[in-house]
Amino acid sequence: MRILITSPGGLTGLLLRQPLLSVLLQHGHRLMLAVPERLAALVPMAAPGAETAFLPDGFSGGPGKPDFDARLAALHEQAARFGPELIVAGGRPPEPVEEAVARWFPEVPSVASLDDTPAPRGGAAAPFTRTVPVTRNEPERSRYAALAAAVLGWHVELPRPSLVLDAETRERGGQELARLGVDPAACWVVCAGHTGEAGVRNWKPEQWADLLVSICRRHDLHLLFCGTPDEEPVNDQIRELMGEARTRTASLRRPGLDLPLLAGILSHAAGYIGRQCGPTYVAAALGKPVLTVAGAGDWPRSMVAAGRGAVLLRLVPCAGCGWDCHLSEPYCIRHIPVEEAAAEFDRLVAGDQEFRVRALEPDRFLLHRIIEDAAESARRLKRLSADRIERLERDNKALARALEETRAGAHSLRESVSGLQKRAGELQAALKRSEEELLDREFQVRDLTAKCESWQAEAKKLEKLVSALRQENSVPAPLGRMADLFRRGPLARLYAKLRPRRADD
C-alpha cells in the first residue's frame, strides 16, 4: 500500500517517528515521507527506500494565508504523482499543512492522533477519516504504536529509533574528527547550548561547566561541542568557565547545523552529553550511550529511548507543564545535582550497558521551596490580576462615557440626517418641477422653431411674388387687376398673419 506520512516539526519529531516508519516498511508498504527540507537528508537514514516530499521550511501558515496554497503547490504535485492509498498525519495535533494534505485527497482514507487539547473556536472539522485518541502527555512511543495499529490492523511492538548511515556519511564524520584533532574513541559530543527562550529547558552554564570539569578530571576524554550558530555563545561561555579543562574541548562550527555531518561524527564518537534536543535522539538512534539532563516539562511525552545511558530529571509536582513554567526558575532541571549526572557518566564509562531514567524525587526542603515559590507566584499573579481588574474597570468606565457621548452624537447625527433627507426630498421635488418646466419650454421652442421655418418659407414665396410683381409692373396693367391680386394673393394672407403680432407690439 502507498502511504503518505506527513512529518512536520524538527529533528526530534522525525526520530521519534522513525520506529513507525521502520515497521511500515518491514510490512512491505511503500512510503512517501513529507518533511521540512532541512531534514530531507536524514530520510534515507531513517527510512531507507522511502520517497521524500518537501514541506516548506519555517512554514506556519494556514488556509486563508496569502501564500498558503502557493507554497504548498510543489508538495501537492509530489503527493499527486505518488498517488497515496492512505495518509498518516504525524503531527500532534495535526498541523494545518497536514489537514490540507488530507483535503487534497478526500477519497483517500486518512488517520491522525488527537489529544484532549480543546479545539479553537470556529475551526473547521478535522478532515481525517479516522482519529486515534491520546492524552496530552502520553509518550510519543505509545502514540506511534497506536498509529501503527490503526494502519496495520493489529498491535505491534515498536523498536527503538535507529538510523542507517552509508559509508560516505561515516567517512565525512571521521574526516571531520581528524581535522579537529579529536580521537574518536575518547570523543564525547556535547550539546549544552541554547537560544534565549530554550534556556528554561537547560541547566545553567555554570552547572554544565562543573559537570564537564569533573568528568575531565577523572577520565581521559575529549569533548566536542556542537550546536546551531545561535547556540554557540552559550557553548563558548561554558568552555570559558571550564578553565584549564578547556584544552580538552573543541567546537564544531558551521554556518548551519549539518545534520548528516553530525550523524557521521556521532557514529564514530564514544557517546553524547547534553540537554535533551535533536542530537540526543540522533546519538541514541546510532546506538551510542547518552547522558541527558532533560527536566520534566514534557515528561514523559518526548523521553528519549536509548540502549545505554541515563536521562535525569526532577519529578516535581508541576511536571508535564509543556515548559510553560510559572515559577521563578525551572526546578525540574535546575535542581538536578551535578554529582548525580557525574555518577551516571562514571557508570557509562565503566561499561554499564543499562539505560536508566532517573526521575529524582524532590526532598522536603526542595518541595517547601517550590511551594513557597508557587505561593509567591500566585500572590504575584493575584496582584497583577487585581491591577488588571482595576485598569479594566477604569477602561470600562471611560468606554461607558465614550459610549454615551457616541450615542448622543449619533442622535444628533440622526436628526441632522433626517433634516438633510427632508431637504433632499424638497430639492428632488423642485428638480422634478424644473425638469417638467424645461420639457415644456423645449416643446415651445420646438413649436416656435417650426413656425419660424414656416414663416421663412412664406417669406421666400413673398420675395418671389414681389419679384414677379416688379416684373409685371414694367408692363402697364389695369389698376383693378392689381387690387384684385392684392386681395386674393399671398400678400393678403401674409398681411392677415402679421396683423395680430403688430397689434401686440
Protein backbone atom coordinates (compact mmCIF):
# COMPACT_ATOMS: atom_id res chain seq x y z
CA MET A 1 0.00 0.00 0.00
CA ARG A 2 1.22 3.50 -0.84
CA ILE A 3 1.24 5.54 2.39
CA LEU A 4 1.91 9.27 2.55
CA ILE A 5 3.19 10.28 6.00
CA THR A 6 3.49 13.95 6.90
CA SER A 7 6.25 14.68 9.40
CA PRO A 8 6.28 18.37 10.31
CA GLY A 9 8.40 19.82 13.09
CA GLY A 10 12.06 19.30 13.76
CA LEU A 11 14.72 16.65 14.13
CA THR A 12 13.28 15.30 17.38
CA GLY A 13 9.89 14.64 15.83
CA LEU A 14 11.37 12.82 12.85
CA LEU A 15 13.45 10.48 15.02
CA LEU A 16 10.56 9.76 17.38
CA ARG A 17 8.50 8.72 14.32
CA GLN A 18 11.28 6.51 12.95
CA PRO A 19 10.06 3.28 14.61
CA LEU A 20 6.66 3.74 12.94
CA LEU A 21 8.34 4.18 9.56
CA SER A 22 10.51 1.13 10.15
CA VAL A 23 7.54 -1.11 11.00
CA LEU A 24 5.54 0.01 7.96
CA LEU A 25 8.49 -0.62 5.65
CA GLN A 26 9.07 -4.05 7.18
CA HIS A 27 5.46 -4.97 6.37
CA GLY A 28 6.01 -4.19 2.69
CA HIS A 29 4.34 -0.79 2.44
CA ARG A 30 5.65 1.88 0.10
CA LEU A 31 6.18 5.19 1.89
CA MET A 32 6.44 8.82 0.94
CA LEU A 33 7.63 10.96 3.84
CA ALA A 34 6.87 14.70 3.72
CA VAL A 35 9.44 16.53 5.86
CA PRO A 36 10.88 20.05 6.09
CA GLU A 37 13.62 20.49 3.50
CA ARG A 38 16.34 20.87 6.16
CA LEU A 39 15.63 17.28 7.32
CA ALA A 40 15.40 15.69 3.86
CA ALA A 41 18.99 14.38 4.01
CA LEU A 42 18.07 12.23 7.04
CA VAL A 43 15.14 10.44 5.36
CA PRO A 44 17.35 7.79 3.68
CA MET A 45 18.91 7.12 7.09
CA ALA A 46 15.61 6.95 8.99
CA ALA A 47 13.52 5.18 6.35
CA PRO A 48 15.70 3.54 3.67
CA GLY A 49 13.71 3.14 0.48
CA ALA A 50 11.07 5.75 1.32
CA GLU A 51 10.39 8.57 -1.12
CA THR A 52 10.78 12.15 0.06
CA ALA A 53 8.48 15.14 -0.35
CA PHE A 54 9.26 18.59 0.96
CA LEU A 55 7.41 20.77 3.42
CA PRO A 56 8.45 24.44 3.23
CA ASP A 57 10.98 25.31 5.95
CA GLY A 58 9.62 27.66 8.59
CA PHE A 59 6.11 27.25 7.25
CA SER A 60 3.47 28.03 9.87
CA GLY A 61 0.66 29.37 7.74
CA GLY A 62 -2.86 28.09 7.39
CA PRO A 63 -5.75 28.24 4.96
CA GLY A 64 -6.59 31.81 4.09
CA LYS A 65 -2.99 32.99 4.28
CA PRO A 66 -1.93 34.73 1.05
CA ASP A 67 0.84 32.25 0.22
CA PHE A 68 -0.63 29.07 1.74
CA ASP A 69 -1.61 27.31 -1.49
CA ALA A 70 1.32 28.72 -3.47
CA ARG A 71 3.96 27.44 -1.01
CA LEU A 72 2.36 24.00 -0.92
CA ALA A 73 1.97 23.65 -4.70
CA ALA A 74 5.15 21.56 -5.05
CA LEU A 75 4.09 19.24 -2.22
CA HIS A 76 0.65 18.85 -3.80
CA GLU A 77 2.23 17.90 -7.11
CA GLN A 78 4.62 15.38 -5.50
CA ALA A 79 1.81 13.79 -3.50
CA ALA A 80 -0.45 13.56 -6.55
CA ARG A 81 2.29 11.77 -8.53
CA PHE A 82 2.78 9.34 -5.64
CA GLY A 83 -0.94 8.52 -5.58
CA PRO A 84 -1.40 7.71 -1.87
CA GLU A 85 -3.79 4.99 -0.76
CA LEU A 86 -3.53 6.10 2.88
CA ILE A 87 -2.50 9.36 4.54
CA VAL A 88 -1.00 9.42 8.05
CA ALA A 89 -0.61 12.74 9.90
CA GLY A 90 2.41 12.67 12.20
CA GLY A 91 1.83 15.97 14.00
CA ARG A 92 0.30 16.23 17.45
CA PRO A 93 -2.15 17.79 16.97
CA PRO A 94 -2.13 17.73 13.15
CA GLU A 95 -0.84 20.97 11.68
CA PRO A 96 -2.74 23.00 9.05
CA VAL A 97 -0.50 21.64 6.28
CA GLU A 98 -1.43 18.08 7.28
CA GLU A 99 -5.13 18.93 7.20
CA ALA A 100 -4.60 20.48 3.77
CA VAL A 101 -2.99 17.26 2.51
CA ALA A 102 -5.97 15.22 3.73
CA ARG A 103 -8.38 17.62 1.99
CA TRP A 104 -6.47 17.32 -1.29
CA PHE A 105 -7.43 13.65 -1.46
CA PRO A 106 -10.92 13.36 0.10
CA GLU A 107 -11.40 9.88 -1.38
CA VAL A 108 -8.23 8.56 0.33
CA PRO A 109 -8.51 7.24 3.93
CA SER A 110 -6.54 9.27 6.45
CA VAL A 111 -5.59 8.78 10.07
CA ALA A 112 -4.33 11.17 12.75
CA SER A 113 -3.88 11.27 16.50
CA LEU A 114 -5.75 13.89 18.51
CA ASP A 115 -5.20 14.69 22.17
CA ASP A 116 -7.60 16.28 24.63
CA THR A 117 -6.46 19.84 23.87
CA PRO A 118 -9.58 21.95 23.19
CA ALA A 119 -10.01 22.81 19.52
CA PRO A 120 -10.06 26.52 18.60
CA ARG A 121 -13.49 28.02 18.38
CA GLY A 122 -14.84 28.38 14.90
CA GLY A 123 -12.28 25.95 13.49
CA ALA A 124 -13.23 23.64 10.66
CA ALA A 125 -13.85 20.00 11.44
CA ALA A 126 -10.80 17.73 11.15
CA PRO A 127 -10.72 16.21 7.64
CA PHE A 128 -9.37 12.82 8.77
CA THR A 129 -11.47 9.69 8.29
CA ARG A 130 -10.08 8.14 11.49
CA THR A 131 -8.54 9.59 14.63
CA VAL A 132 -6.55 7.86 17.37
CA PRO A 133 -7.18 9.45 20.80
CA VAL A 134 -4.18 10.22 23.01
CA THR A 135 -3.76 12.05 26.29
CA ARG A 136 -1.84 15.32 26.44
CA ASN A 137 1.39 13.93 27.90
CA GLU A 138 1.17 10.37 26.59
CA PRO A 139 4.62 9.18 25.45
CA GLU A 140 5.22 9.57 21.75
CA ARG A 141 6.28 5.94 21.60
CA SER A 142 2.79 4.86 22.72
CA ARG A 143 1.15 7.28 20.31
CA TYR A 144 3.07 5.94 17.32
CA ALA A 145 2.32 2.37 18.38
CA ALA A 146 -1.38 3.28 18.29
CA LEU A 147 -0.98 4.82 14.83
CA ALA A 148 0.83 1.68 13.63
CA ALA A 149 -2.02 -0.47 14.95
CA ALA A 150 -4.54 1.78 13.16
CA VAL A 151 -2.66 1.31 9.87
CA LEU A 152 -1.84 -2.39 10.14
CA GLY A 153 -4.95 -3.56 11.92
CA TRP A 154 -3.13 -5.23 14.80
CA HIS A 155 -0.95 -4.18 17.72
CA VAL A 156 2.81 -4.13 17.15
CA GLU A 157 5.72 -3.54 19.48
CA LEU A 158 7.76 -0.66 18.10
CA PRO A 159 11.57 -0.96 18.20
CA ARG A 160 13.83 1.79 19.45
CA PRO A 161 14.63 4.52 16.92
CA SER A 162 17.58 3.69 14.66
CA LEU A 163 19.47 5.32 11.80
CA VAL A 164 21.29 3.58 8.94
CA LEU A 165 24.30 5.58 7.73
CA ASP A 166 26.02 5.00 4.42
CA ALA A 167 29.78 4.75 4.07
CA GLU A 168 30.13 8.28 2.71
CA THR A 169 28.41 9.83 5.73
CA ARG A 170 30.56 7.84 8.14
CA GLU A 171 33.69 8.82 6.24
CA ARG A 172 32.76 12.50 6.40
CA GLY A 173 32.38 12.23 10.16
CA GLY A 174 35.73 10.54 10.55
CA GLN A 175 37.47 13.12 8.38
CA GLU A 176 35.99 15.97 10.41
CA LEU A 177 37.20 14.45 13.68
CA ALA A 178 40.65 14.04 12.16
CA ARG A 179 40.63 17.67 11.02
CA LEU A 180 39.75 18.78 14.55
CA GLY A 181 42.46 16.56 16.04
CA VAL A 182 39.97 14.58 18.13
CA ASP A 183 40.43 10.89 18.98
CA PRO A 184 37.07 9.22 18.18
CA ALA A 185 37.49 6.63 20.94
CA ALA A 186 37.77 9.37 23.56
CA CYS A 187 35.34 11.82 21.96
CA TRP A 188 32.04 12.70 23.61
CA VAL A 189 29.80 15.07 21.69
CA VAL A 190 28.37 17.86 23.89
CA CYS A 191 25.19 19.83 23.12
CA ALA A 192 24.76 22.17 26.08
CA GLY A 193 23.99 25.49 24.44
CA HIS A 194 20.61 27.08 23.91
CA THR A 195 18.88 30.09 22.46
CA GLY A 196 17.02 32.65 24.56
CA GLU A 197 13.64 31.02 25.11
CA ALA A 198 15.09 27.50 25.32
CA GLY A 199 17.08 28.48 28.41
CA VAL A 200 14.19 27.35 30.62
CA ARG A 201 14.82 23.79 29.38
CA ASN A 202 18.51 23.75 30.21
CA TRP A 203 21.00 23.80 33.02
CA LYS A 204 22.84 26.99 33.76
CA PRO A 205 26.25 27.30 32.03
CA GLU A 206 27.93 27.04 35.45
CA GLN A 207 26.32 23.64 36.07
CA TRP A 208 27.49 22.29 32.73
CA ALA A 209 30.99 23.59 33.35
CA ASP A 210 31.08 21.92 36.78
CA LEU A 211 29.98 18.57 35.32
CA LEU A 212 32.39 18.64 32.39
CA VAL A 213 35.36 19.70 34.52
CA SER A 214 34.52 16.93 36.98
CA ILE A 215 34.45 14.15 34.38
CA CYS A 216 37.54 15.51 32.60
CA ARG A 217 39.47 15.21 35.85
CA ARG A 218 38.55 11.56 36.30
CA HIS A 219 38.59 10.34 32.70
CA ASP A 220 40.80 10.72 29.66
CA LEU A 221 38.35 12.10 27.15
CA HIS A 222 37.84 14.88 24.63
CA LEU A 223 34.66 16.99 24.45
CA LEU A 224 33.39 18.18 21.06
CA PHE A 225 30.82 20.99 21.41
CA CYS A 226 28.22 21.29 18.67
CA GLY A 227 25.03 23.20 18.11
CA THR A 228 23.38 25.75 15.87
CA PRO A 229 25.14 29.09 15.28
CA ASP A 230 22.82 30.88 17.73
CA GLU A 231 23.74 28.35 20.45
CA GLU A 232 27.47 28.97 20.11
CA PRO A 233 27.61 31.91 22.59
CA VAL A 234 26.40 29.67 25.43
CA ASN A 235 28.77 26.88 24.33
CA ASP A 236 31.64 29.38 24.36
CA GLN A 237 30.59 30.58 27.83
CA ILE A 238 30.64 27.01 29.16
CA ARG A 239 34.07 26.35 27.67
CA GLU A 240 35.38 29.59 29.21
CA LEU A 241 34.02 28.58 32.64
CA MET A 242 35.87 25.25 32.38
CA GLY A 243 39.21 26.98 32.92
CA GLU A 244 42.20 24.76 32.23
CA ALA A 245 39.94 21.88 31.20
CA ARG A 246 39.03 23.91 28.12
CA THR A 247 42.11 22.45 26.44
CA ARG A 248 40.21 19.14 26.36
CA THR A 249 37.45 20.66 24.22
CA ALA A 250 36.86 21.55 20.59
CA SER A 251 33.99 23.24 18.80
CA LEU A 252 32.23 22.14 15.62
CA ARG A 253 31.41 25.46 13.98
CA ARG A 254 29.32 25.56 10.84
CA PRO A 255 27.17 28.27 9.20
CA GLY A 256 24.24 25.91 9.77
CA LEU A 257 23.75 22.59 11.52
CA ASP A 258 24.92 19.97 9.00
CA LEU A 259 22.81 17.02 10.16
CA PRO A 260 24.49 14.30 8.03
CA LEU A 261 27.89 15.50 9.25
CA LEU A 262 26.68 15.46 12.85
CA ALA A 263 25.37 11.92 12.37
CA GLY A 264 28.70 10.89 10.85
CA ILE A 265 30.62 12.34 13.79
CA LEU A 266 28.31 10.68 16.33
CA SER A 267 28.75 7.33 14.57
CA HIS A 268 32.48 7.50 15.47
CA ALA A 269 32.17 9.20 18.87
CA ALA A 270 32.14 7.41 22.21
CA GLY A 271 28.86 8.96 23.28
CA TYR A 272 26.72 12.05 23.90
CA ILE A 273 26.42 14.50 26.80
CA GLY A 274 23.94 17.37 26.86
CA ARG A 275 20.43 18.63 27.17
CA GLN A 276 17.53 16.77 25.57
CA CYS A 277 17.41 18.01 21.97
CA GLY A 278 17.71 16.72 18.41
CA PRO A 279 21.32 15.43 18.62
CA THR A 280 20.31 13.41 21.71
CA TYR A 281 17.94 11.35 19.59
CA VAL A 282 20.49 11.03 16.77
CA ALA A 283 23.06 9.60 19.19
CA ALA A 284 20.50 7.21 20.69
CA ALA A 285 19.39 6.10 17.21
CA LEU A 286 23.03 5.30 16.39
CA GLY A 287 23.32 3.11 19.48
CA LYS A 288 25.58 5.49 21.39
CA PRO A 289 25.37 5.95 25.17
CA VAL A 290 23.68 9.22 26.11
CA LEU A 291 23.82 11.29 29.29
CA THR A 292 20.93 13.73 29.13
CA VAL A 293 19.78 16.39 31.57
CA ALA A 294 16.16 16.54 30.47
CA GLY A 295 13.91 18.17 33.02
CA ALA A 296 10.21 17.33 33.38
CA GLY A 297 8.50 19.98 31.26
CA ASP A 298 7.42 17.44 28.64
CA TRP A 299 7.61 14.38 30.88
CA PRO A 300 7.07 11.67 29.77
CA ARG A 301 5.93 12.72 26.31
CA SER A 302 9.26 13.16 24.49
CA MET A 303 11.53 10.99 26.57
CA VAL A 304 14.46 9.62 24.59
CA ALA A 305 14.76 5.84 24.21
CA ALA A 306 18.36 4.61 24.07
CA GLY A 307 20.15 1.33 24.51
CA ARG A 308 22.62 2.73 27.04
CA GLY A 309 22.77 5.83 29.13
CA ALA A 310 20.76 7.91 31.54
CA VAL A 311 18.13 10.63 31.48
CA LEU A 312 17.93 12.82 34.59
CA LEU A 313 15.05 14.99 35.74
CA ARG A 314 13.38 16.24 38.91
CA LEU A 315 9.88 14.85 39.15
CA VAL A 316 8.32 17.98 40.63
CA PRO A 317 4.55 18.34 41.20
CA CYS A 318 4.18 20.56 38.10
CA ALA A 319 5.84 18.03 35.74
CA GLY A 320 4.35 17.93 32.26
CA CYS A 321 3.69 21.68 32.10
CA GLY A 322 4.86 21.86 28.49
CA TRP A 323 7.66 24.18 29.67
CA ASP A 324 5.16 26.94 30.42
CA CYS A 325 6.91 27.49 33.74
CA HIS A 326 5.10 29.75 36.24
CA LEU A 327 7.86 29.59 38.85
CA SER A 328 10.90 31.80 39.27
CA GLU A 329 13.10 29.04 37.86
CA PRO A 330 12.59 25.58 36.30
CA TYR A 331 13.21 23.40 39.37
CA CYS A 332 12.70 20.21 37.37
CA ILE A 333 16.02 20.75 35.58
CA ARG A 334 18.00 23.38 37.50
CA HIS A 335 17.89 21.28 40.71
CA ILE A 336 19.34 18.11 39.23
CA PRO A 337 22.58 17.69 41.19
CA VAL A 338 25.79 17.77 39.16
CA GLU A 339 27.01 14.88 41.31
CA GLU A 340 24.15 12.64 40.12
CA ALA A 341 24.98 13.33 36.46
CA ALA A 342 28.69 12.73 37.09
CA ALA A 343 27.92 9.41 38.78
CA GLU A 344 25.84 8.30 35.79
CA PHE A 345 28.71 9.21 33.46
CA ASP A 346 31.14 7.18 35.56
CA ARG A 347 28.77 4.22 35.29
CA LEU A 348 28.70 4.50 31.47
CA VAL A 349 32.47 4.77 31.17
CA ALA A 350 32.83 1.73 33.38
CA GLY A 351 30.94 -0.27 30.75
CA ASP A 352 27.45 -0.47 32.25
CA GLN A 353 25.00 -1.46 29.48
CA GLU A 354 21.82 -0.24 31.15
CA PHE A 355 19.62 2.67 30.13
CA ARG A 356 18.04 4.43 33.08
CA VAL A 357 15.53 7.20 33.51
CA ARG A 358 16.41 8.96 36.75
CA ALA A 359 13.23 10.68 37.84
CA LEU A 360 14.62 12.17 41.05
CA GLU A 361 12.07 12.83 43.75
CA PRO A 362 12.44 16.26 45.39
CA ASP A 363 13.26 16.20 49.10
CA ARG A 364 11.05 18.03 51.59
CA PHE A 365 13.28 21.10 51.56
CA LEU A 366 13.04 21.45 47.79
CA LEU A 367 9.28 20.79 47.92
CA HIS A 368 8.92 23.52 50.55
CA ARG A 369 10.92 25.89 48.34
CA ILE A 370 8.76 25.04 45.31
CA ILE A 371 5.60 25.60 47.37
CA GLU A 372 6.91 28.96 48.60
CA ASP A 373 7.82 29.94 45.04
CA ALA A 374 4.41 28.81 43.77
CA ALA A 375 2.68 30.74 46.55
CA GLU A 376 4.67 33.87 45.74
CA SER A 377 3.88 33.34 42.06
CA ALA A 378 0.19 33.03 42.96
CA ARG A 379 0.36 36.21 45.06
CA ARG A 380 2.13 38.00 42.25
CA LEU A 381 -0.48 36.82 39.78
CA LYS A 382 -3.20 37.88 42.21
CA ARG A 383 -1.69 41.37 42.45
CA LEU A 384 -1.33 41.53 38.72
CA SER A 385 -4.91 40.34 38.32
CA ALA A 386 -6.15 42.97 40.80
CA ASP A 387 -4.21 45.68 38.97
CA ARG A 388 -5.53 44.44 35.67
CA ILE A 389 -9.09 44.33 37.01
CA GLU A 390 -8.71 47.90 38.28
CA ARG A 391 -7.37 49.03 34.91
CA LEU A 392 -10.18 47.21 33.14
CA GLU A 393 -12.76 48.87 35.41
CA ARG A 394 -11.26 52.29 34.65
CA ASP A 395 -11.20 51.46 30.98
CA ASN A 396 -14.81 50.25 31.17
CA LYS A 397 -15.92 53.50 32.80
CA ALA A 398 -14.07 55.51 30.17
CA LEU A 399 -15.62 53.38 27.47
CA ALA A 400 -19.08 53.83 29.02
CA ARG A 401 -18.63 57.62 28.98
CA ALA A 402 -17.38 57.48 25.43
CA LEU A 403 -20.35 55.27 24.53
CA GLU A 404 -22.83 57.79 26.00
CA GLU A 405 -21.13 60.60 24.11
CA THR A 406 -21.21 58.50 20.99
CA ARG A 407 -24.90 57.77 21.48
CA ALA A 408 -25.62 61.49 21.95
CA GLY A 409 -23.61 62.28 18.87
CA ALA A 410 -25.41 59.53 16.99
CA HIS A 411 -28.80 61.01 17.99
CA SER A 412 -27.70 64.44 16.78
CA LEU A 413 -26.43 62.89 13.59
CA ARG A 414 -29.71 61.06 13.08
CA GLU A 415 -31.60 64.36 13.44
CA SER A 416 -29.22 66.03 11.03
CA VAL A 417 -29.61 63.18 8.61
CA SER A 418 -33.40 63.40 8.91
CA GLY A 419 -33.28 67.14 8.13
CA LEU A 420 -30.95 66.54 5.24
CA GLN A 421 -33.20 63.79 3.91
CA LYS A 422 -36.21 66.16 4.13
CA ARG A 423 -34.30 68.90 2.35
CA ALA A 424 -33.14 66.37 -0.23
CA GLY A 425 -36.80 65.44 -0.84
CA GLU A 426 -37.68 69.08 -1.34
CA LEU A 427 -34.81 69.56 -3.71
CA GLN A 428 -35.80 66.44 -5.63
CA ALA A 429 -39.36 67.77 -5.95
CA ALA A 430 -38.06 71.17 -7.12
CA LEU A 431 -35.76 69.42 -9.55
CA LYS A 432 -38.69 67.42 -10.90
CA ARG A 433 -40.72 70.62 -11.39
CA SER A 434 -37.78 72.28 -13.09
CA GLU A 435 -37.39 69.29 -15.38
CA GLU A 436 -41.07 69.44 -16.29
CA GLU A 437 -40.84 73.19 -16.97
CA LEU A 438 -37.74 72.59 -19.02
CA LEU A 439 -39.57 69.98 -21.08
CA ASP A 440 -42.46 72.44 -21.62
CA ARG A 441 -40.05 75.16 -22.68
CA GLU A 442 -38.33 72.75 -25.01
CA PHE A 443 -41.74 71.94 -26.56
CA GLN A 444 -42.47 75.66 -27.00
CA VAL A 445 -39.07 76.22 -28.53
CA ARG A 446 -39.63 73.39 -30.98
CA ASP A 447 -43.08 74.84 -31.87
CA LEU A 448 -41.68 78.32 -32.39
CA THR A 449 -38.83 76.90 -34.43
CA ALA A 450 -41.32 75.14 -36.68
CA LYS A 451 -43.34 78.36 -37.06
CA CYS A 452 -40.21 80.32 -37.87
CA GLU A 453 -39.29 77.82 -40.52
CA SER A 454 -42.84 78.15 -41.95
CA TRP A 455 -42.55 81.92 -41.94
CA GLN A 456 -39.19 81.73 -43.65
CA ALA A 457 -40.77 79.61 -46.35
CA GLU A 458 -43.64 82.14 -46.75
CA ALA A 459 -41.12 84.96 -46.87
CA LYS A 460 -39.29 83.26 -49.71
CA LYS A 461 -42.57 82.88 -51.55
CA LEU A 462 -43.29 86.56 -50.92
CA GLU A 463 -39.91 87.51 -52.28
CA LYS A 464 -40.68 85.53 -55.38
CA LEU A 465 -44.10 87.23 -55.65
CA VAL A 466 -42.61 90.68 -55.21
CA SER A 467 -40.10 89.85 -57.86
CA ALA A 468 -42.91 88.70 -60.12
CA LEU A 469 -44.91 91.87 -59.41
CA ARG A 470 -41.94 94.01 -60.21
CA GLN A 471 -41.63 92.28 -63.49
CA GLU A 472 -45.35 92.77 -64.16
CA ASN A 473 -45.16 96.47 -63.19
CA SER A 474 -42.80 97.01 -66.01
CA VAL A 475 -45.84 96.48 -68.35
CA PRO A 476 -48.91 98.68 -67.98
CA ALA A 477 -51.85 96.92 -66.43
CA PRO A 478 -55.20 97.95 -65.15
CA LEU A 479 -55.33 99.08 -61.54
CA GLY A 480 -58.25 96.76 -60.81
CA ARG A 481 -56.13 93.77 -61.61
CA MET A 482 -53.50 94.86 -59.06
CA ALA A 483 -56.13 95.40 -56.41
CA ASP A 484 -57.68 92.02 -57.07
CA LEU A 485 -54.27 90.38 -56.94
CA PHE A 486 -53.59 92.05 -53.60
CA ARG A 487 -56.89 90.94 -52.10
CA ARG A 488 -56.67 87.28 -53.14
CA GLY A 489 -52.96 86.70 -53.40
CA PRO A 490 -50.18 85.73 -50.93
CA LEU A 491 -49.74 89.31 -49.78
CA ALA A 492 -53.23 89.33 -48.40
CA ARG A 493 -52.60 86.08 -46.46
CA LEU A 494 -49.27 87.35 -45.13
CA TYR A 495 -50.87 90.58 -44.06
CA ALA A 496 -53.60 88.68 -42.23
CA LYS A 497 -50.98 86.67 -40.27
CA LEU A 498 -48.77 89.62 -39.38
CA ARG A 499 -51.53 91.96 -38.31
CA PRO A 500 -52.18 90.37 -34.86
CA ARG A 501 -48.47 90.49 -33.99
CA ARG A 502 -48.28 94.15 -34.92
CA ALA A 503 -51.28 94.85 -32.70
CA ASP A 504 -49.44 93.09 -29.77
CA ASP A 505 -46.33 95.13 -30.38
